Each structure stands twice: as structure tokens, then as C-alpha cells.
Amino acid sequence: MQNNKVGEAISLLDMLSNESSIPKNIRKALSDAKQRLESNEELNVKVSAAVYIIDSISDDINMPAHARTQIWGVVSMLESMKI
């Protein structure tokens, strides 16, 4: 079940990081978070690292409103995976 949620989060991050309406620095952070989720680390470690990366850009003033909502959804999904 957890791997399914990780896969869903990776898919959403991939979609967002390829969206041209999102500023480059935010797409880079989303891509970095995706890479952490794809790593071979323990689930808690990689989820926490991804949440930390995403959280650092979640208040960026240049982020489009629709992207912010989707990012909050991804963070919520990731938070629910923590043990």
C-alpha cells in the first residue's frame, strides 16, 4: 500500500515539475523531491526529505495558485505515509 502511495506522489511531482507555468526554481525543487522518493532509503527518511524540500518552496510568491493546491495535496499524501 505504501509503495502505491509513493508511486502516486512521484507521478504527481513528475507532472508538476514538467508544467511550464510553474517557475524553474519550484520545478527544480519538485524534481529533487521526486528523486528522493525514488531513492533506496528507508520510507520515513525519503518521505521526510521530500516533504522538507517541498515545504521550502510551498510559500514561494511566484507559485501559481493551482500548483500550490496540488503541492499541498502531495505534502498531505506524503505526511500520511510517515510512521
PDB file of N, CA and C in Angstrom:
ATOM      1  N   MET A   1       0.829  -1.200   0.000  1.00  0.00           N
ATOM      2  CA  MET A   1       0.000   0.000   0.000  1.00  0.00           C
ATOM      3  C   MET A   1       0.871   1.260   0.000  1.00  0.00           C
ATOM      4  N   GLN A   2       1.939   1.270   0.828  1.00  0.00           N
ATOM      5  CA  GLN A   2       2.805   2.440   0.900  1.00  0.00           C
ATOM      6  C   GLN A   2       3.492   2.704  -0.441  1.00  0.00           C
ATOM      7  N   ASN A   3       3.950   1.625  -1.105  1.00  0.00           N
ATOM      8  CA  ASN A   3       4.614   1.801  -2.393  1.00  0.00           C
ATOM      9  C   ASN A   3       3.675   2.401  -3.422  1.00  0.00           C
ATOM     10  N   ASN A   4       2.391   2.054  -3.327  1.00  0.00           N
ATOM     11  CA  ASN A   4       1.392   2.609  -4.228  1.00  0.00           C
ATOM     12  C   ASN A   4       1.266   4.124  -4.019  1.00  0.00           C
ATOM     13  N   LYS A   5       1.247   4.542  -2.752  1.00  0.00           N
ATOM     14  CA  LYS A   5       1.152   5.973  -2.440  1.00  0.00           C
ATOM     15  C   LYS A   5       2.420   6.709  -2.867  1.00  0.00           C
ATOM     16  N   VAL A   6       3.566   6.080  -2.684  1.00  0.00           N
ATOM     17  CA  VAL A   6       4.828   6.689  -3.111  1.00  0.00           C
ATOM     18  C   VAL A   6       4.806   6.866  -4.630  1.00  0.00           C
ATOM     19  N   GLY A   7       4.344   5.848  -5.327  1.00  0.00           N
ATOM     20  CA  GLY A   7       4.247   5.925  -6.782  1.00  0.00           C
ATOM     21  C   GLY A   7       3.313   7.024  -7.234  1.00  0.00           C
ATOM     22  N   GLU A   8       2.207   7.174  -6.530  1.00  0.00           N
ATOM     23  CA  GLU A   8       1.243   8.236  -6.862  1.00  0.00           C
ATOM     24  C   GLU A   8       1.855   9.616  -6.620  1.00  0.00           C
ATOM     25  N   ALA A   9       2.569   9.756  -5.499  1.00  0.00           N
ATOM     26  CA  ALA A   9       3.225  11.032  -5.181  1.00  0.00           C
ATOM     27  C   ALA A   9       4.293  11.354  -6.224  1.00  0.00           C
ATOM     28  N   ILE A  10       5.071  10.343  -6.626  1.00  0.00           N
ATOM     29  CA  ILE A  10       6.101  10.541  -7.649  1.00  0.00           C
ATOM     30  C   ILE A  10       5.462  10.986  -8.957  1.00  0.00           C
ATOM     31  N   SER A  11       4.354  10.360  -9.300  1.00  0.00           N
ATOM     32  CA  SER A  11       3.650  10.712 -10.530  1.00  0.00           C
ATOM     33  C   SER A  11       3.167  12.163 -10.505  1.00  0.00           C
ATOM     34  N   LEU A  12       2.596  12.585  -9.384  1.00  0.00           N
ATOM     35  CA  LEU A  12       2.125  13.964  -9.251  1.00  0.00           C
ATOM     36  C   LEU A  12       3.288  14.957  -9.298  1.00  0.00           C
ATOM     37  N   LEU A  13       4.381  14.631  -8.616  1.00  0.00           N
ATOM     38  CA  LEU A  13       5.552  15.515  -8.632  1.00  0.00           C
ATOM     39  C   LEU A  13       6.136  15.618 -10.029  1.00  0.00           C
ATOM     40  N   ASP A  14       6.135  14.499 -10.750  1.00  0.00           N
ATOM     41  CA  ASP A  14       6.639  14.491 -12.117  1.00  0.00           C
ATOM     42  C   ASP A  14       5.784  15.388 -13.008  1.00  0.00           C
ATOM     43  N   MET A  15       4.480  15.263 -12.859  1.00  0.00           N
ATOM     44  CA  MET A  15       3.553  16.074 -13.648  1.00  0.00           C
ATOM     45  C   MET A  15       3.768  17.565 -13.358  1.00  0.00           C
ATOM     46  N   LEU A  16       3.877  17.915 -12.081  1.00  0.00           N
ATOM     47  CA  LEU A  16       4.066  19.317 -11.704  1.00  0.00           C
ATOM     48  C   LEU A  16       5.429  19.849 -12.159  1.00  0.00           C
ATOM     49  N   SER A  17       6.459  19.022 -12.057  1.00  0.00           N
ATOM     50  CA  SER A  17       7.795  19.507 -12.427  1.00  0.00           C
ATOM     51  C   SER A  17       7.953  19.675 -13.937  1.00  0.00           C
ATOM     52  N   ASN A  18       7.027  19.134 -14.702  1.00  0.00           N
ATOM     53  CA  ASN A  18       7.069  19.301 -16.158  1.00  0.00           C
ATOM     54  C   ASN A  18       6.108  20.376 -16.660  1.00  0.00           C
ATOM     55  N   GLU A  19       5.401  21.024 -15.754  1.00  0.00           N
ATOM     56  CA  GLU A  19       4.430  22.048 -16.135  1.00  0.00           C
ATOM     57  C   GLU A  19       5.139  23.386 -16.362  1.00  0.00           C
ATOM     58  N   SER A  20       4.964  23.957 -17.532  1.00  0.00           N
ATOM     59  CA  SER A  20       5.699  25.175 -17.897  1.00  0.00           C
ATOM     60  C   SER A  20       5.216  26.437 -17.174  1.00  0.00           C
ATOM     61  N   SER A  21       4.024  26.410 -16.590  1.00  0.00           N
ATOM     62  CA  SER A  21       3.521  27.599 -15.889  1.00  0.00           C
ATOM     63  C   SER A  21       4.134  27.754 -14.493  1.00  0.00           C
ATOM     64  N   ILE A  22       4.860  26.748 -14.063  1.00  0.00           N
ATOM     65  CA  ILE A  22       5.493  26.777 -12.740  1.00  0.00           C
ATOM     66  C   ILE A  22       6.932  27.274 -12.908  1.00  0.00           C
ATOM     67  N   PRO A  23       7.350  28.232 -12.067  1.00  0.00           N
ATOM     68  CA  PRO A  23       8.717  28.767 -12.168  1.00  0.00           C
ATOM     69  C   PRO A  23       9.791  27.682 -12.051  1.00  0.00           C
ATOM     70  N   LYS A  24      10.918  27.948 -12.668  1.00  0.00           N
ATOM     71  CA  LYS A  24      12.009  26.982 -12.761  1.00  0.00           C
ATOM     72  C   LYS A  24      12.520  26.522 -11.389  1.00  0.00           C
ATOM     73  N   ASN A  25      12.661  27.444 -10.442  1.00  0.00           N
ATOM     74  CA  ASN A  25      13.185  27.063  -9.125  1.00  0.00           C
ATOM     75  C   ASN A  25      12.231  26.100  -8.404  1.00  0.00           C
ATOM     76  N   ILE A  26      10.943  26.270  -8.604  1.00  0.00           N
ATOM     77  CA  ILE A  26       9.958  25.391  -7.980  1.00  0.00           C
ATOM     78  C   ILE A  26       9.973  24.023  -8.670  1.00  0.00           C
ATOM     79  N   ARG A  27      10.073  24.032  -9.997  1.00  0.00           N
ATOM     80  CA  ARG A  27      10.155  22.751 -10.725  1.00  0.00           C
ATOM     81  C   ARG A  27      11.393  21.973 -10.309  1.00  0.00           C
ATOM     82  N   LYS A  28      12.500  22.675 -10.083  1.00  0.00           N
ATOM     83  CA  LYS A  28      13.745  22.021  -9.642  1.00  0.00           C
ATOM     84  C   LYS A  28      13.549  21.375  -8.275  1.00  0.00           C
ATOM     85  N   ALA A  29      12.917  22.080  -7.349  1.00  0.00           N
ATOM     86  CA  ALA A  29      12.678  21.530  -6.015  1.00  0.00           C
ATOM     87  C   ALA A  29      11.759  20.312  -6.093  1.00  0.00           C
ATOM     88  N   LEU A  30      10.735  20.380  -6.933  1.00  0.00           N
ATOM     89  CA  LEU A  30       9.818  19.250  -7.087  1.00  0.00           C
ATOM     90  C   LEU A  30      10.545  18.050  -7.684  1.00  0.00           C
ATOM     91  N   SER A  31      11.426  18.305  -8.621  1.00  0.00           N
ATOM     92  CA  SER A  31      12.221  17.244  -9.233  1.00  0.00           C
ATOM     93  C   SER A  31      13.166  16.618  -8.203  1.00  0.00           C
ATOM     94  N   ASP A  32      13.770  17.456  -7.351  1.00  0.00           N
ATOM     95  CA  ASP A  32      14.647  16.955  -6.286  1.00  0.00           C
ATOM     96  C   ASP A  32      13.862  16.083  -5.299  1.00  0.00           C
ATOM     97  N   ALA A  33      12.657  16.520  -4.950  1.00  0.00           N
ATOM     98  CA  ALA A  33      11.814  15.744  -4.036  1.00  0.00           C
ATOM     99  C   ALA A  33      11.456  14.397  -4.664  1.00  0.00           C
ATOM    100  N   LYS A  34      11.176  14.412  -5.945  1.00  0.00           N
ATOM    101  CA  LYS A  34      10.856  13.172  -6.669  1.00  0.00           C
ATOM    102  C   LYS A  34      12.044  12.212  -6.624  1.00  0.00           C
ATOM    103  N   GLN A  35      13.248  12.736  -6.834  1.00  0.00           N
ATOM    104  CA  GLN A  35      14.450  11.896  -6.787  1.00  0.00           C
ATOM    105  C   GLN A  35      14.641  11.282  -5.409  1.00  0.00           C
ATOM    106  N   ARG A  36      14.362  12.042  -4.373  1.00  0.00           N
ATOM    107  CA  ARG A  36      14.486  11.493  -3.011  1.00  0.00           C
ATOM    108  C   ARG A  36      13.492  10.354  -2.797  1.00  0.00           C
ATOM    109  N   LEU A  37      12.264  10.518  -3.317  1.00  0.00           N
ATOM    110  CA  LEU A  37      11.263   9.465  -3.161  1.00  0.00           C
ATOM    111  C   LEU A  37      11.635   8.209  -3.944  1.00  0.00           C
ATOM    112  N   GLU A  38      12.383   8.378  -5.026  1.00  0.00           N
ATOM    113  CA  GLU A  38      12.805   7.241  -5.842  1.00  0.00           C
ATOM    114  C   GLU A  38      14.052   6.556  -5.289  1.00  0.00           C
ATOM    115  N   SER A  39      14.658   7.129  -4.260  1.00  0.00           N
ATOM    116  CA  SER A  39      15.899   6.578  -3.711  1.00  0.00           C
ATOM    117  C   SER A  39      15.626   5.264  -2.964  1.00  0.00           C
ATOM    118  N   ASN A  40      16.704   4.611  -2.559  1.00  0.00           N
ATOM    119  CA  ASN A  40      16.599   3.331  -1.848  1.00  0.00           C
ATOM    120  C   ASN A  40      16.630   3.500  -0.336  1.00  0.00           C
ATOM    121  N   GLU A  41      16.418   4.707   0.133  1.00  0.00           N
ATOM    122  CA  GLU A  41      16.434   4.956   1.572  1.00  0.00           C
ATOM    123  C   GLU A  41      15.178   4.371   2.224  1.00  0.00           C
ATOM    124  N   GLU A  42      15.191   4.343   3.564  1.00  0.00           N
ATOM    125  CA  GLU A  42      14.001   3.916   4.296  1.00  0.00           C
ATOM    126  C   GLU A  42      12.845   4.840   3.957  1.00  0.00           C
ATOM    127  N   LEU A  43      11.635   4.309   4.025  1.00  0.00           N
ATOM    128  CA  LEU A  43      10.440   5.078   3.671  1.00  0.00           C
ATOM    129  C   LEU A  43      10.354   6.377   4.462  1.00  0.00           C
ATOM    130  N   ASN A  44      10.514   6.308   5.779  1.00  0.00           N
ATOM    131  CA  ASN A  44      10.406   7.508   6.609  1.00  0.00           C
ATOM    132  C   ASN A  44      11.440   8.563   6.228  1.00  0.00           C
ATOM    133  N   VAL A  45      12.659   8.118   5.934  1.00  0.00           N
ATOM    134  CA  VAL A  45      13.746   9.049   5.602  1.00  0.00           C
ATOM    135  C   VAL A  45      13.450   9.757   4.291  1.00  0.00           C
ATOM    136  N   LYS A  46      13.089   8.983   3.267  1.00  0.00           N
ATOM    137  CA  LYS A  46      12.863   9.615   1.970  1.00  0.00           C
ATOM    138  C   LYS A  46      11.605  10.470   1.945  1.00  0.00           C
ATOM    139  N   VAL A  47      10.578  10.066   2.667  1.00  0.00           N
ATOM    140  CA  VAL A  47       9.353  10.875   2.738  1.00  0.00           C
ATOM    141  C   VAL A  47       9.629  12.176   3.481  1.00  0.00           C
ATOM    142  N   SER A  48      10.334  12.093   4.591  1.00  0.00           N
ATOM    143  CA  SER A  48      10.663  13.306   5.359  1.00  0.00           C
ATOM    144  C   SER A  48      11.518  14.260   4.543  1.00  0.00           C
ATOM    145  N   ALA A  49      12.488  13.719   3.811  1.00  0.00           N
ATOM    146  CA  ALA A  49      13.360  14.557   2.975  1.00  0.00           C
ATOM    147  C   ALA A  49      12.551  15.241   1.877  1.00  0.00           C
ATOM    148  N   ALA A  50      11.647  14.495   1.254  1.00  0.00           N
ATOM    149  CA  ALA A  50      10.820  15.071   0.186  1.00  0.00           C
ATOM    150  C   ALA A  50       9.909  16.168   0.735  1.00  0.00           C
ATOM    151  N   VAL A  51       9.303  15.922   1.882  1.00  0.00           N
ATOM    152  CA  VAL A  51       8.427  16.924   2.499  1.00  0.00           C
ATOM    153  C   VAL A  51       9.231  18.177   2.830  1.00  0.00           C
ATOM    154  N   TYR A  52      10.434  18.008   3.339  1.00  0.00           N
ATOM    155  CA  TYR A  52      11.284  19.149   3.678  1.00  0.00           C
ATOM    156  C   TYR A  52      11.593  19.988   2.440  1.00  0.00           C
ATOM    157  N   ILE A  53      11.930  19.317   1.346  1.00  0.00           N
ATOM    158  CA  ILE A  53      12.254  20.025   0.100  1.00  0.00           C
ATOM    159  C   ILE A  53      11.027  20.784  -0.415  1.00  0.00           C
ATOM    160  N   ILE A  54       9.894  20.110  -0.432  1.00  0.00           N
ATOM    161  CA  ILE A  54       8.666  20.731  -0.946  1.00  0.00           C
ATOM    162  C   ILE A  54       8.238  21.882  -0.038  1.00  0.00           C
ATOM    163  N   ASP A  55       8.373  21.672   1.264  1.00  0.00           N
ATOM    164  CA  ASP A  55       7.969  22.697   2.223  1.00  0.00           C
ATOM    165  C   ASP A  55       8.777  23.981   2.037  1.00  0.00           C
ATOM    166  N   SER A  56      10.025  23.832   1.605  1.00  0.00           N
ATOM    167  CA  SER A  56      10.879  25.011   1.441  1.00  0.00           C
ATOM    168  C   SER A  56      10.397  25.926   0.308  1.00  0.00           C
ATOM    169  N   ILE A  57       9.611  25.405  -0.628  1.00  0.00           N
ATOM    170  CA  ILE A  57       9.135  26.223  -1.749  1.00  0.00           C
ATOM    171  C   ILE A  57       7.622  26.459  -1.703  1.00  0.00           C
ATOM    172  N   SER A  58       6.947  25.901  -0.718  1.00  0.00           N
ATOM    173  CA  SER A  58       5.484  25.959  -0.703  1.00  0.00           C
ATOM    174  C   SER A  58       4.927  27.375  -0.535  1.00  0.00           C
ATOM    175  N   ASP A  59       5.717  28.272   0.018  1.00  0.00           N
ATOM    176  CA  ASP A  59       5.252  29.647   0.216  1.00  0.00           C
ATOM    177  C   ASP A  59       5.829  30.619  -0.806  1.00  0.00           C
ATOM    178  N   ASP A  60       6.408  30.087  -1.871  1.00  0.00           N
ATOM    179  CA  ASP A  60       7.001  30.941  -2.908  1.00  0.00           C
ATOM    180  C   ASP A  60       5.912  31.817  -3.530  1.00  0.00           C
ATOM    181  N   ILE A  61       6.153  33.113  -3.563  1.00  0.00           N
ATOM    182  CA  ILE A  61       5.156  34.069  -4.041  1.00  0.00           C
ATOM    183  C   ILE A  61       4.874  33.915  -5.543  1.00  0.00           C
ATOM    184  N   ASN A  62       5.812  33.333  -6.277  1.00  0.00           N
ATOM    185  CA  ASN A  62       5.649  33.181  -7.723  1.00  0.00           C
ATOM    186  C   ASN A  62       4.890  31.918  -8.128  1.00  0.00           C
ATOM    187  N   MET A  63       4.528  31.097  -7.158  1.00  0.00           N
ATOM    188  CA  MET A  63       3.852  29.854  -7.482  1.00  0.00           C
ATOM    189  C   MET A  63       2.394  30.111  -7.863  1.00  0.00           C
ATOM    190  N   PRO A  64       1.962  29.549  -9.004  1.00  0.00           N
ATOM    191  CA  PRO A  64       0.552  29.688  -9.393  1.00  0.00           C
ATOM    192  C   PRO A  64      -0.359  29.012  -8.364  1.00  0.00           C
ATOM    193  N   ALA A  65      -1.553  29.549  -8.191  1.00  0.00           N
ATOM    194  CA  ALA A  65      -2.486  29.039  -7.174  1.00  0.00           C
ATOM    195  C   ALA A  65      -2.822  27.567  -7.391  1.00  0.00           C
ATOM    196  N   HIS A  66      -3.032  27.170  -8.638  1.00  0.00           N
ATOM    197  CA  HIS A  66      -3.393  25.765  -8.886  1.00  0.00           C
ATOM    198  C   HIS A  66      -2.254  24.815  -8.505  1.00  0.00           C
ATOM    199  N   ALA A  67      -1.025  25.256  -8.706  1.00  0.00           N
ATOM    200  CA  ALA A  67       0.130  24.425  -8.348  1.00  0.00           C
ATOM    201  C   ALA A  67       0.258  24.325  -6.835  1.00  0.00           C
ATOM    202  N   ARG A  68       0.020  25.425  -6.139  1.00  0.00           N
ATOM    203  CA  ARG A  68       0.103  25.418  -4.671  1.00  0.00           C
ATOM    204  C   ARG A  68      -0.876  24.405  -4.089  1.00  0.00           C
ATOM    205  N   THR A  69      -2.092  24.393  -4.619  1.00  0.00           N
ATOM    206  CA  THR A  69      -3.111  23.455  -4.139  1.00  0.00           C
ATOM    207  C   THR A  69      -2.667  22.013  -4.381  1.00  0.00           C
ATOM    208  N   GLN A  70      -2.125  21.739  -5.554  1.00  0.00           N
ATOM    209  CA  GLN A  70      -1.667  20.383  -5.865  1.00  0.00           C
ATOM    210  C   GLN A  70      -0.477  19.991  -4.993  1.00  0.00           C
ATOM    211  N   ILE A  71       0.413  20.934  -4.736  1.00  0.00           N
ATOM    212  CA  ILE A  71       1.579  20.660  -3.895  1.00  0.00           C
ATOM    213  C   ILE A  71       1.150  20.361  -2.466  1.00  0.00           C
ATOM    214  N   TRP A  72       0.183  21.111  -1.953  1.00  0.00           N
ATOM    215  CA  TRP A  72      -0.324  20.822  -0.610  1.00  0.00           C
ATOM    216  C   TRP A  72      -0.924  19.415  -0.556  1.00  0.00           C
ATOM    217  N   GLY A  73      -1.577  19.010  -1.637  1.00  0.00           N
ATOM    218  CA  GLY A  73      -2.134  17.658  -1.707  1.00  0.00           C
ATOM    219  C   GLY A  73      -1.048  16.598  -1.657  1.00  0.00           C
ATOM    220  N   VAL A  74       0.056  16.846  -2.365  1.00  0.00           N
ATOM    221  CA  VAL A  74       1.175  15.901  -2.362  1.00  0.00           C
ATOM    222  C   VAL A  74       1.785  15.833  -0.959  1.00  0.00           C
ATOM    223  N   VAL A  75       1.986  16.982  -0.323  1.00  0.00           N
ATOM    224  CA  VAL A  75       2.553  17.011   1.026  1.00  0.00           C
ATOM    225  C   VAL A  75       1.651  16.259   1.991  1.00  0.00           C
ATOM    226  N   SER A  76       0.352  16.472   1.882  1.00  0.00           N
ATOM    227  CA  SER A  76      -0.600  15.770   2.737  1.00  0.00           C
ATOM    228  C   SER A  76      -0.495  14.257   2.532  1.00  0.00           C
ATOM    229  N   MET A  77      -0.388  13.845   1.278  1.00  0.00           N
ATOM    230  CA  MET A  77      -0.263  12.420   0.953  1.00  0.00           C
ATOM    231  C   MET A  77       1.025  11.854   1.562  1.00  0.00           C
ATOM    232  N   LEU A  78       2.116  12.599   1.439  1.00  0.00           N
ATOM    233  CA  LEU A  78       3.395  12.149   1.975  1.00  0.00           C
ATOM    234  C   LEU A  78       3.358  12.085   3.511  1.00  0.00           C
ATOM    235  N   GLU A  79       2.757  13.084   4.121  1.00  0.00           N
ATOM    236  CA  GLU A  79       2.663  13.108   5.584  1.00  0.00           C
ATOM    237  C   GLU A  79       1.896  11.895   6.105  1.00  0.00           C
ATOM    238  N   SER A  80       0.907  11.447   5.362  1.00  0.00           N
ATOM    239  CA  SER A  80       0.100  10.312   5.794  1.00  0.00           C
ATOM    240  C   SER A  80       0.895   8.996   5.725  1.00  0.00           C
ATOM    241  N   MET A  81       2.031   8.995   5.019  1.00  0.00           N
ATOM    242  CA  MET A  81       2.862   7.793   4.906  1.00  0.00           C
ATOM    243  C   MET A  81       3.836   7.653   6.048  1.00  0.00           C
ATOM    244  N   LYS A  82       4.077   8.720   6.777  1.00  0.00           N
ATOM    245  CA  LYS A  82       5.057   8.665   7.880  1.00  0.00           C
ATOM    246  C   LYS A  82       4.520   7.752   8.981  1.00  0.00           C
ATOM    247  N   ILE A  83       5.459   7.065   9.595  1.00  0.00           N
ATOM    248  CA  ILE A  83       5.086   6.130  10.670  1.00  0.00           C
ATOM    249  C   ILE A  83       5.100   6.853  11.998  1.00  0.00           C
TER     250      ILE A  83
END
